[in-house]
Protein backbone atom coordinates (compact mmCIF):
# COMPACT_ATOMS: atom_id res chain seq x y z
CA MET A 1 -7.75 -15.11 4.20
CA SER A 2 -8.02 -11.65 2.69
CA VAL A 3 -5.35 -9.46 1.14
CA LYS A 4 -5.19 -5.93 -0.20
CA ILE A 5 -3.49 -4.92 -3.43
CA TYR A 6 -2.29 -1.32 -3.63
CA ILE A 7 0.35 1.18 -4.70
CA PRO A 8 1.84 2.93 -1.66
CA ALA A 9 1.39 6.68 -1.34
CA LYS A 10 4.29 8.96 -2.13
CA ASN A 11 6.50 9.75 0.83
CA ALA A 12 6.63 13.40 1.93
CA MET A 13 10.43 13.29 1.56
CA GLN A 14 10.19 12.03 -2.02
CA SER A 15 10.10 14.42 -4.96
CA GLY A 16 9.99 11.89 -7.79
CA LYS A 17 7.60 9.10 -8.65
CA GLY A 18 10.15 6.28 -8.96
CA ASN A 19 8.81 4.07 -6.16
CA LEU A 20 5.18 4.45 -7.20
CA LYS A 21 5.26 1.95 -10.05
CA LYS A 22 5.14 -1.28 -8.05
CA TRP A 23 1.96 -2.90 -6.74
CA TYR A 24 2.02 -4.53 -3.30
CA LEU A 25 0.01 -7.45 -1.95
CA GLU A 26 -0.34 -7.42 1.81
CA HIS A 27 -2.30 -9.69 4.16
CA GLU A 28 -4.96 -8.09 6.33
CA SER A 29 -4.95 -9.29 9.91
CA LYS A 30 -8.08 -9.96 11.91
CA ASP A 31 -6.09 -10.28 15.15
CA THR A 32 -5.58 -7.24 17.31
CA LYS A 33 -2.14 -6.00 18.23
CA TYR A 34 -0.96 -6.21 21.80
CA ILE A 35 1.80 -4.49 23.75
CA GLU A 36 4.35 -6.82 25.29
CA PRO A 37 4.55 -5.85 28.99
CA ILE A 38 8.29 -6.14 29.63
CA MET A 39 9.84 -4.38 26.61
CA GLY A 40 6.78 -2.48 25.40
CA TRP A 41 7.04 -3.89 21.89
CA THR A 42 3.94 -4.27 19.75
CA GLY A 43 3.07 -7.84 18.86
CA ASN A 44 0.55 -9.83 16.87
CA ALA A 45 -0.11 -13.57 16.66
CA ASP A 46 -0.62 -13.45 12.88
CA THR A 47 2.74 -13.87 11.13
CA ASN A 48 1.21 -13.26 7.68
CA ARG A 49 1.23 -9.53 8.52
CA GLN A 50 4.99 -9.58 7.92
CA ILE A 51 4.62 -10.64 4.28
CA LYS A 52 4.52 -7.89 1.65
CA LEU A 53 4.85 -9.08 -1.94
CA LYS A 54 5.86 -6.74 -4.77
CA PHE A 55 4.52 -6.99 -8.34
CA ASP A 56 5.17 -5.05 -11.55
CA SER A 57 1.47 -4.74 -12.40
CA LYS A 58 -1.94 -4.92 -10.79
CA GLU A 59 -2.88 -7.83 -13.05
CA GLU A 60 0.06 -9.92 -11.80
CA ALA A 61 -0.96 -9.32 -8.19
CA ILE A 62 -4.58 -10.28 -8.94
CA LYS A 63 -3.45 -13.45 -10.74
CA TYR A 64 -1.32 -14.42 -7.75
CA ALA A 65 -4.22 -13.89 -5.34
CA GLU A 66 -6.63 -15.91 -7.50
CA ARG A 67 -4.10 -18.71 -8.06
CA ASN A 68 -3.60 -19.06 -4.30
CA GLY A 69 -7.30 -18.80 -3.41
CA LEU A 70 -6.98 -15.48 -1.60
CA GLU A 71 -9.88 -13.08 -1.23
CA TYR A 72 -8.57 -9.71 -2.41
CA LYS A 73 -9.53 -6.07 -2.70
CA VAL A 74 -7.78 -3.62 -4.99
CA ILE A 75 -7.17 -0.10 -3.69
CA GLU A 76 -6.72 2.18 -6.69
CA PRO A 77 -4.25 5.08 -6.28
CA ASN A 78 -5.61 8.60 -5.95
CA LYS A 79 -4.98 10.77 -8.97
CA PRO A 80 -3.44 14.14 -8.05
CA SER A 81 -5.48 17.12 -9.13
CA LEU A 82 -3.36 19.63 -11.00
CA LYS A 83 -4.16 23.28 -10.57
CA LEU A 84 -2.91 24.97 -13.72
CA GLN A 85 -2.07 28.64 -13.39
CA SER A 86 -0.12 31.06 -15.45
CA TYR A 87 2.85 32.81 -13.92
CA ALA A 88 1.19 36.19 -14.45
CA SER A 89 -1.76 35.24 -12.24
CA THR A 90 0.57 34.92 -9.23
CA LEU A 91 1.75 38.51 -9.64
CA MET A 92 -1.68 40.11 -9.63
């Protein structure tokens, strides 16, 4: 069974970086999703997709995966590129 370890991307409605400090471990499903014909809900036979574990550090998440014999991949967060400009350059 494989899992991915990641920090979620910042929400568009979020100005701060408060929720970007936790690492998540989430199971990857090999089963395809299906649409239930009566209600139109999306379903999946793999119940592990519902599990999302939260860790304070990447190392804790990796230790958990190794201790439980899970194959894991770590997705590193993208670093934002800062474009530094002086205020005067916007007026010219």
